Amino acid sequence: MNKKVTVVFDGSVLLPDAPLDLTPNTRYVIVIQELISPSVKGDAWDVLEAMTGTIEAPPDWSSEHDHYLYGTPKRETEGRE
């Protein structure tokens, strides 16, 4: 069972934003991750546009994606040095 729950830490305890359907007196493992809101206002397209070009990758990333993702040998392409 995996659940994603947002909580607020009041300095002592974690307070869930919504009621939890969990069995009382049962041990659970939780992962703490700070919720960061995007600084761009607008719809999803505005957020994606603001993120465009922020990932650094080799110049042949699109033509050699199998090499970079799976470790396959690079393909021989014309005009490549």
PDB file of N, CA and C in Angstrom:
ATOM      1  N   MET A   1       0.846  -1.173   0.000  1.00  0.00           N
ATOM      2  CA  MET A   1       0.000   0.000   0.000  1.00  0.00           C
ATOM      3  C   MET A   1       0.892   1.237   0.000  1.00  0.00           C
ATOM      4  N   ASN A   2       0.672   2.129  -0.939  1.00  0.00           N
ATOM      5  CA  ASN A   2       1.365   3.415  -0.978  1.00  0.00           C
ATOM      6  C   ASN A   2       0.326   4.517  -0.964  1.00  0.00           C
ATOM      7  N   LYS A   3       0.548   5.509  -0.131  1.00  0.00           N
ATOM      8  CA  LYS A   3      -0.331   6.674  -0.074  1.00  0.00           C
ATOM      9  C   LYS A   3       0.531   7.917  -0.076  1.00  0.00           C
ATOM     10  N   LYS A   4       0.035   8.950  -0.699  1.00  0.00           N
ATOM     11  CA  LYS A   4       0.721  10.235  -0.681  1.00  0.00           C
ATOM     12  C   LYS A   4      -0.154  11.189   0.117  1.00  0.00           C
ATOM     13  N   VAL A   5       0.398  11.727   1.197  1.00  0.00           N
ATOM     14  CA  VAL A   5      -0.356  12.582   2.101  1.00  0.00           C
ATOM     15  C   VAL A   5       0.454  13.853   2.341  1.00  0.00           C
ATOM     16  N   THR A   6      -0.199  14.997   2.279  1.00  0.00           N
ATOM     17  CA  THR A   6       0.484  16.239   2.636  1.00  0.00           C
ATOM     18  C   THR A   6       0.212  16.519   4.112  1.00  0.00           C
ATOM     19  N   VAL A   7       1.230  17.017   4.786  1.00  0.00           N
ATOM     20  CA  VAL A   7       1.132  17.284   6.216  1.00  0.00           C
ATOM     21  C   VAL A   7       1.774  18.624   6.533  1.00  0.00           C
ATOM     22  N   VAL A   8       1.499  19.109   7.718  1.00  0.00           N
ATOM     23  CA  VAL A   8       2.134  20.318   8.243  1.00  0.00           C
ATOM     24  C   VAL A   8       2.831  19.927   9.542  1.00  0.00           C
ATOM     25  N   PHE A   9       4.065  20.346   9.706  1.00  0.00           N
ATOM     26  CA  PHE A   9       4.800  20.089  10.945  1.00  0.00           C
ATOM     27  C   PHE A   9       4.641  21.303  11.837  1.00  0.00           C
ATOM     28  N   ASP A  10       4.054  21.129  13.021  1.00  0.00           N
ATOM     29  CA  ASP A  10       3.804  22.263  13.916  1.00  0.00           C
ATOM     30  C   ASP A  10       4.927  22.498  14.917  1.00  0.00           C
ATOM     31  N   GLY A  11       6.047  21.805  14.735  1.00  0.00           N
ATOM     32  CA  GLY A  11       7.164  21.932  15.657  1.00  0.00           C
ATOM     33  C   GLY A  11       7.292  20.726  16.567  1.00  0.00           C
ATOM     34  N   SER A  12       6.219  19.971  16.692  1.00  0.00           N
ATOM     35  CA  SER A  12       6.230  18.771  17.529  1.00  0.00           C
ATOM     36  C   SER A  12       5.767  17.536  16.783  1.00  0.00           C
ATOM     37  N   VAL A  13       4.646  17.684  16.067  1.00  0.00           N
ATOM     38  CA  VAL A  13       4.049  16.524  15.384  1.00  0.00           C
ATOM     39  C   VAL A  13       3.698  16.891  13.942  1.00  0.00           C
ATOM     40  N   LEU A  14       3.500  15.855  13.139  1.00  0.00           N
ATOM     41  CA  LEU A  14       3.039  16.036  11.765  1.00  0.00           C
ATOM     42  C   LEU A  14       1.518  15.967  11.756  1.00  0.00           C
ATOM     43  N   LEU A  15       0.876  16.981  11.183  1.00  0.00           N
ATOM     44  CA  LEU A  15      -0.581  17.038  11.132  1.00  0.00           C
ATOM     45  C   LEU A  15      -1.032  16.867   9.684  1.00  0.00           C
ATOM     46  N   PRO A  16      -1.741  15.767   9.359  1.00  0.00           N
ATOM     47  CA  PRO A  16      -2.185  15.553   7.986  1.00  0.00           C
ATOM     48  C   PRO A  16      -3.232  16.582   7.568  1.00  0.00           C
ATOM     49  N   ASP A  17      -3.214  16.927   6.267  1.00  0.00           N
ATOM     50  CA  ASP A  17      -4.181  17.888   5.741  1.00  0.00           C
ATOM     51  C   ASP A  17      -5.579  17.274   5.600  1.00  0.00           C
ATOM     52  N   ALA A  18      -5.672  15.960   5.577  1.00  0.00           N
ATOM     53  CA  ALA A  18      -6.949  15.274   5.434  1.00  0.00           C
ATOM     54  C   ALA A  18      -6.941  14.044   6.352  1.00  0.00           C
ATOM     55  N   PRO A  19      -8.123  13.542   6.692  1.00  0.00           N
ATOM     56  CA  PRO A  19      -8.169  12.338   7.530  1.00  0.00           C
ATOM     57  C   PRO A  19      -7.457  11.166   6.852  1.00  0.00           C
ATOM     58  N   LEU A  20      -6.825  10.315   7.662  1.00  0.00           N
ATOM     59  CA  LEU A  20      -6.104   9.160   7.137  1.00  0.00           C
ATOM     60  C   LEU A  20      -6.879   7.882   7.412  1.00  0.00           C
ATOM     61  N   ASP A  21      -6.964   7.035   6.417  1.00  0.00           N
ATOM     62  CA  ASP A  21      -7.623   5.736   6.574  1.00  0.00           C
ATOM     63  C   ASP A  21      -6.554   4.698   6.874  1.00  0.00           C
ATOM     64  N   LEU A  22      -5.998   4.757   8.092  1.00  0.00           N
ATOM     65  CA  LEU A  22      -4.931   3.853   8.511  1.00  0.00           C
ATOM     66  C   LEU A  22      -5.382   3.067   9.741  1.00  0.00           C
ATOM     67  N   THR A  23      -4.818   1.890   9.899  1.00  0.00           N
ATOM     68  CA  THR A  23      -5.140   1.044  11.042  1.00  0.00           C
ATOM     69  C   THR A  23      -4.422   1.581  12.281  1.00  0.00           C
ATOM     70  N   PRO A  24      -5.168   1.836  13.356  1.00  0.00           N
ATOM     71  CA  PRO A  24      -4.535   2.322  14.583  1.00  0.00           C
ATOM     72  C   PRO A  24      -3.529   1.307  15.143  1.00  0.00           C
ATOM     73  N   ASN A  25      -2.528   1.802  15.844  1.00  0.00           N
ATOM     74  CA  ASN A  25      -1.499   0.987  16.493  1.00  0.00           C
ATOM     75  C   ASN A  25      -0.721   0.110  15.516  1.00  0.00           C
ATOM     76  N   THR A  26      -0.566   0.588  14.303  1.00  0.00           N
ATOM     77  CA  THR A  26       0.206  -0.107  13.277  1.00  0.00           C
ATOM     78  C   THR A  26       1.392   0.768  12.904  1.00  0.00           C
ATOM     79  N   ARG A  27       2.562   0.162  12.758  1.00  0.00           N
ATOM     80  CA  ARG A  27       3.761   0.925  12.407  1.00  0.00           C
ATOM     81  C   ARG A  27       3.794   1.156  10.897  1.00  0.00           C
ATOM     82  N   TYR A  28       4.126   2.367  10.488  1.00  0.00           N
ATOM     83  CA  TYR A  28       4.234   2.736   9.088  1.00  0.00           C
ATOM     84  C   TYR A  28       5.584   3.391   8.853  1.00  0.00           C
ATOM     85  N   VAL A  29       6.059   3.330   7.639  1.00  0.00           N
ATOM     86  CA  VAL A  29       7.276   4.026   7.237  1.00  0.00           C
ATOM     87  C   VAL A  29       6.833   5.239   6.427  1.00  0.00           C
ATOM     88  N   ILE A  30       7.410   6.392   6.741  1.00  0.00           N
ATOM     89  CA  ILE A  30       7.077   7.586   5.976  1.00  0.00           C
ATOM     90  C   ILE A  30       8.344   8.174   5.362  1.00  0.00           C
ATOM     91  N   VAL A  31       8.179   8.874   4.269  1.00  0.00           N
ATOM     92  CA  VAL A  31       9.270   9.575   3.602  1.00  0.00           C
ATOM     93  C   VAL A  31       8.955  11.061   3.697  1.00  0.00           C
ATOM     94  N   ILE A  32       9.901  11.840   4.181  1.00  0.00           N
ATOM     95  CA  ILE A  32       9.698  13.280   4.346  1.00  0.00           C
ATOM     96  C   ILE A  32      10.305  13.995   3.144  1.00  0.00           C
ATOM     97  N   GLN A  33       9.498  14.771   2.446  1.00  0.00           N
ATOM     98  CA  GLN A  33       9.960  15.557   1.306  1.00  0.00           C
ATOM     99  C   GLN A  33       9.280  16.915   1.373  1.00  0.00           C
ATOM    100  N   GLU A  34      10.075  17.966   1.321  1.00  0.00           N
ATOM    101  CA  GLU A  34       9.499  19.305   1.376  1.00  0.00           C
ATOM    102  C   GLU A  34       8.712  19.573   0.113  1.00  0.00           C
ATOM    103  N   LEU A  35       7.513  20.092   0.268  1.00  0.00           N
ATOM    104  CA  LEU A  35       6.652  20.409  -0.859  1.00  0.00           C
ATOM    105  C   LEU A  35       7.040  21.792  -1.364  1.00  0.00           C
ATOM    106  N   ILE A  36       7.542  21.829  -2.583  1.00  0.00           N
ATOM    107  CA  ILE A  36       7.986  23.099  -3.165  1.00  0.00           C
ATOM    108  C   ILE A  36       7.032  23.469  -4.284  1.00  0.00           C
ATOM    109  N   SER A  37       6.456  24.646  -4.171  1.00  0.00           N
ATOM    110  CA  SER A  37       5.543  25.119  -5.208  1.00  0.00           C
ATOM    111  C   SER A  37       6.335  25.772  -6.329  1.00  0.00           C
ATOM    112  N   PRO A  38       5.926  25.560  -7.574  1.00  0.00           N
ATOM    113  CA  PRO A  38       6.623  26.231  -8.666  1.00  0.00           C
ATOM    114  C   PRO A  38       6.488  27.743  -8.534  1.00  0.00           C
ATOM    115  N   SER A  39       7.558  28.460  -8.864  1.00  0.00           N
ATOM    116  CA  SER A  39       7.534  29.914  -8.749  1.00  0.00           C
ATOM    117  C   SER A  39       6.812  30.568  -9.919  1.00  0.00           C
ATOM    118  N   VAL A  40       6.519  29.797 -10.948  1.00  0.00           N
ATOM    119  CA  VAL A  40       5.833  30.323 -12.123  1.00  0.00           C
ATOM    120  C   VAL A  40       4.338  30.230 -11.894  1.00  0.00           C
ATOM    121  N   LYS A  41       3.658  31.333 -12.157  1.00  0.00           N
ATOM    122  CA  LYS A  41       2.204  31.323 -12.024  1.00  0.00           C
ATOM    123  C   LYS A  41       1.603  31.108 -13.399  1.00  0.00           C
ATOM    124  N   GLY A  42       0.472  30.466 -13.430  1.00  0.00           N
ATOM    125  CA  GLY A  42      -0.198  30.185 -14.689  1.00  0.00           C
ATOM    126  C   GLY A  42      -0.570  28.723 -14.767  1.00  0.00           C
ATOM    127  N   ASP A  43      -0.833  28.270 -15.981  1.00  0.00           N
ATOM    128  CA  ASP A  43      -1.230  26.870 -16.152  1.00  0.00           C
ATOM    129  C   ASP A  43      -0.006  25.978 -16.334  1.00  0.00           C
ATOM    130  N   ALA A  44      -0.255  24.702 -16.568  1.00  0.00           N
ATOM    131  CA  ALA A  44       0.829  23.727 -16.687  1.00  0.00           C
ATOM    132  C   ALA A  44       1.775  24.057 -17.831  1.00  0.00           C
ATOM    133  N   TRP A  45       1.248  24.606 -18.904  1.00  0.00           N
ATOM    134  CA  TRP A  45       2.108  24.959 -20.046  1.00  0.00           C
ATOM    135  C   TRP A  45       3.099  26.052 -19.656  1.00  0.00           C
ATOM    136  N   ASP A  46       2.681  27.013 -18.834  1.00  0.00           N
ATOM    137  CA  ASP A  46       3.581  28.073 -18.374  1.00  0.00           C
ATOM    138  C   ASP A  46       4.708  27.499 -17.517  1.00  0.00           C
ATOM    139  N   VAL A  47       4.374  26.542 -16.661  1.00  0.00           N
ATOM    140  CA  VAL A  47       5.384  25.905 -15.819  1.00  0.00           C
ATOM    141  C   VAL A  47       6.374  25.143 -16.684  1.00  0.00           C
ATOM    142  N   LEU A  48       5.878  24.362 -17.644  1.00  0.00           N
ATOM    143  CA  LEU A  48       6.759  23.608 -18.538  1.00  0.00           C
ATOM    144  C   LEU A  48       7.639  24.531 -19.365  1.00  0.00           C
ATOM    145  N   GLU A  49       7.076  25.618 -19.850  1.00  0.00           N
ATOM    146  CA  GLU A  49       7.863  26.563 -20.638  1.00  0.00           C
ATOM    147  C   GLU A  49       8.984  27.187 -19.808  1.00  0.00           C
ATOM    148  N   ALA A  50       8.719  27.450 -18.537  1.00  0.00           N
ATOM    149  CA  ALA A  50       9.739  28.020 -17.664  1.00  0.00           C
ATOM    150  C   ALA A  50      10.868  27.032 -17.415  1.00  0.00           C
ATOM    151  N   MET A  51      10.569  25.729 -17.494  1.00  0.00           N
ATOM    152  CA  MET A  51      11.574  24.709 -17.244  1.00  0.00           C
ATOM    153  C   MET A  51      12.332  24.322 -18.510  1.00  0.00           C
ATOM    154  N   THR A  52      11.897  24.772 -19.656  1.00  0.00           N
ATOM    155  CA  THR A  52      12.516  24.398 -20.927  1.00  0.00           C
ATOM    156  C   THR A  52      13.977  24.803 -20.949  1.00  0.00           C
ATOM    157  N   GLY A  53      14.813  23.865 -21.358  1.00  0.00           N
ATOM    158  CA  GLY A  53      16.235  24.151 -21.507  1.00  0.00           C
ATOM    159  C   GLY A  53      17.023  24.101 -20.217  1.00  0.00           C
ATOM    160  N   THR A  54      16.437  23.612 -19.144  1.00  0.00           N
ATOM    161  CA  THR A  54      17.151  23.614 -17.875  1.00  0.00           C
ATOM    162  C   THR A  54      17.940  22.333 -17.628  1.00  0.00           C
ATOM    163  N   ILE A  55      17.772  21.332 -18.480  1.00  0.00           N
ATOM    164  CA  ILE A  55      18.490  20.074 -18.297  1.00  0.00           C
ATOM    165  C   ILE A  55      19.717  20.065 -19.199  1.00  0.00           C
ATOM    166  N   GLU A  56      20.874  19.835 -18.603  1.00  0.00           N
ATOM    167  CA  GLU A  56      22.096  19.761 -19.390  1.00  0.00           C
ATOM    168  C   GLU A  56      22.253  18.342 -19.911  1.00  0.00           C
ATOM    169  N   ALA A  57      22.537  18.228 -21.204  1.00  0.00           N
ATOM    170  CA  ALA A  57      22.705  16.915 -21.825  1.00  0.00           C
ATOM    171  C   ALA A  57      23.691  17.052 -22.977  1.00  0.00           C
ATOM    172  N   PRO A  58      24.274  15.933 -23.396  1.00  0.00           N
ATOM    173  CA  PRO A  58      25.188  15.972 -24.538  1.00  0.00           C
ATOM    174  C   PRO A  58      24.448  16.436 -25.795  1.00  0.00           C
ATOM    175  N   PRO A  59      25.177  17.023 -26.754  1.00  0.00           N
ATOM    176  CA  PRO A  59      24.514  17.528 -27.957  1.00  0.00           C
ATOM    177  C   PRO A  59      23.857  16.435 -28.802  1.00  0.00           C
ATOM    178  N   ASP A  60      24.320  15.188 -28.688  1.00  0.00           N
ATOM    179  CA  ASP A  60      23.713  14.108 -29.473  1.00  0.00           C
ATOM    180  C   ASP A  60      22.691  13.307 -28.658  1.00  0.00           C
ATOM    181  N   TRP A  61      22.146  13.918 -27.622  1.00  0.00           N
ATOM    182  CA  TRP A  61      21.216  13.241 -26.722  1.00  0.00           C
ATOM    183  C   TRP A  61      20.036  12.627 -27.480  1.00  0.00           C
ATOM    184  N   SER A  62      19.418  13.384 -28.387  1.00  0.00           N
ATOM    185  CA  SER A  62      18.217  12.874 -29.049  1.00  0.00           C
ATOM    186  C   SER A  62      18.525  11.727 -29.996  1.00  0.00           C
ATOM    187  N   SER A  63      19.660  11.778 -30.686  1.00  0.00           N
ATOM    188  CA  SER A  63      19.973  10.705 -31.639  1.00  0.00           C
ATOM    189  C   SER A  63      20.619   9.499 -30.968  1.00  0.00           C
ATOM    190  N   GLU A  64      21.176   9.685 -29.779  1.00  0.00           N
ATOM    191  CA  GLU A  64      21.861   8.591 -29.085  1.00  0.00           C
ATOM    192  C   GLU A  64      21.243   8.281 -27.723  1.00  0.00           C
ATOM    193  N   HIS A  65      19.934   8.503 -27.596  1.00  0.00           N
ATOM    194  CA  HIS A  65      19.292   8.316 -26.296  1.00  0.00           C
ATOM    195  C   HIS A  65      19.435   6.885 -25.767  1.00  0.00           C
ATOM    196  N   ASP A  66      19.418   5.880 -26.643  1.00  0.00           N
ATOM    197  CA  ASP A  66      19.590   4.498 -26.168  1.00  0.00           C
ATOM    198  C   ASP A  66      20.965   4.301 -25.525  1.00  0.00           C
ATOM    199  N   HIS A  67      21.968   4.960 -26.079  1.00  0.00           N
ATOM    200  CA  HIS A  67      23.321   4.868 -25.507  1.00  0.00           C
ATOM    201  C   HIS A  67      23.347   5.463 -24.097  1.00  0.00           C
ATOM    202  N   TYR A  68      22.772   6.649 -23.939  1.00  0.00           N
ATOM    203  CA  TYR A  68      22.816   7.328 -22.650  1.00  0.00           C
ATOM    204  C   TYR A  68      21.878   6.707 -21.616  1.00  0.00           C
ATOM    205  N   LEU A  69      20.755   6.163 -22.057  1.00  0.00           N
ATOM    206  CA  LEU A  69      19.806   5.571 -21.115  1.00  0.00           C
ATOM    207  C   LEU A  69      20.138   4.122 -20.756  1.00  0.00           C
ATOM    208  N   TYR A  70      20.540   3.342 -21.768  1.00  0.00           N
ATOM    209  CA  TYR A  70      20.688   1.907 -21.558  1.00  0.00           C
ATOM    210  C   TYR A  70      22.110   1.393 -21.741  1.00  0.00           C
ATOM    211  N   GLY A  71      23.030   2.253 -22.164  1.00  0.00           N
ATOM    212  CA  GLY A  71      24.414   1.838 -22.333  1.00  0.00           C
ATOM    213  C   GLY A  71      24.699   1.085 -23.618  1.00  0.00           C
ATOM    214  N   THR A  72      23.783   1.137 -24.571  1.00  0.00           N
ATOM    215  CA  THR A  72      24.041   0.473 -25.851  1.00  0.00           C
ATOM    216  C   THR A  72      25.147   1.214 -26.592  1.00  0.00           C
ATOM    217  N   PRO A  73      25.844   0.551 -27.514  1.00  0.00           N
ATOM    218  CA  PRO A  73      26.896   1.248 -28.261  1.00  0.00           C
ATOM    219  C   PRO A  73      26.306   2.394 -29.085  1.00  0.00           C
ATOM    220  N   LYS A  74      27.095   3.448 -29.257  1.00  0.00           N
ATOM    221  CA  LYS A  74      26.636   4.567 -30.079  1.00  0.00           C
ATOM    222  C   LYS A  74      26.496   4.113 -31.520  1.00  0.00           C
ATOM    223  N   ARG A  75      25.501   4.646 -32.211  1.00  0.00           N
ATOM    224  CA  ARG A  75      25.300   4.342 -33.617  1.00  0.00           C
ATOM    225  C   ARG A  75      26.238   5.212 -34.435  1.00  0.00           C
ATOM    226  N   GLU A  76      26.655   4.706 -35.566  1.00  0.00           N
ATOM    227  CA  GLU A  76      27.491   5.500 -36.462  1.00  0.00           C
ATOM    228  C   GLU A  76      26.572   6.335 -37.330  1.00  0.00           C
ATOM    229  N   THR A  77      26.697   7.656 -37.199  1.00  0.00           N
ATOM    230  CA  THR A  77      25.854   8.550 -37.990  1.00  0.00           C
ATOM    231  C   THR A  77      26.726   9.408 -38.877  1.00  0.00           C
ATOM    232  N   GLU A  78      26.156   9.824 -39.987  1.00  0.00           N
ATOM    233  CA  GLU A  78      26.909  10.660 -40.931  1.00  0.00           C
ATOM    234  C   GLU A  78      27.173  12.027 -40.313  1.00  0.00           C
ATOM    235  N   GLY A  79      28.352  12.577 -40.615  1.00  0.00           N
ATOM    236  CA  GLY A  79      28.703  13.917 -40.156  1.00  0.00           C
ATOM    237  C   GLY A  79      29.161  13.976 -38.721  1.00  0.00           C
ATOM    238  N   ARG A  80      29.250  12.845 -38.062  1.00  0.00           N
ATOM    239  CA  ARG A  80      29.701  12.842 -36.683  1.00  0.00           C
ATOM    240  C   ARG A  80      31.224  12.725 -36.671  1.00  0.00           C
ATOM    241  N   GLU A  81      31.841  13.464 -35.783  1.00  0.00           N
ATOM    242  CA  GLU A  81      33.298  13.442 -35.698  1.00  0.00           C
ATOM    243  C   GLU A  81      33.798  12.351 -34.816  1.00  0.00           C
TER     244      GLU A  81
END
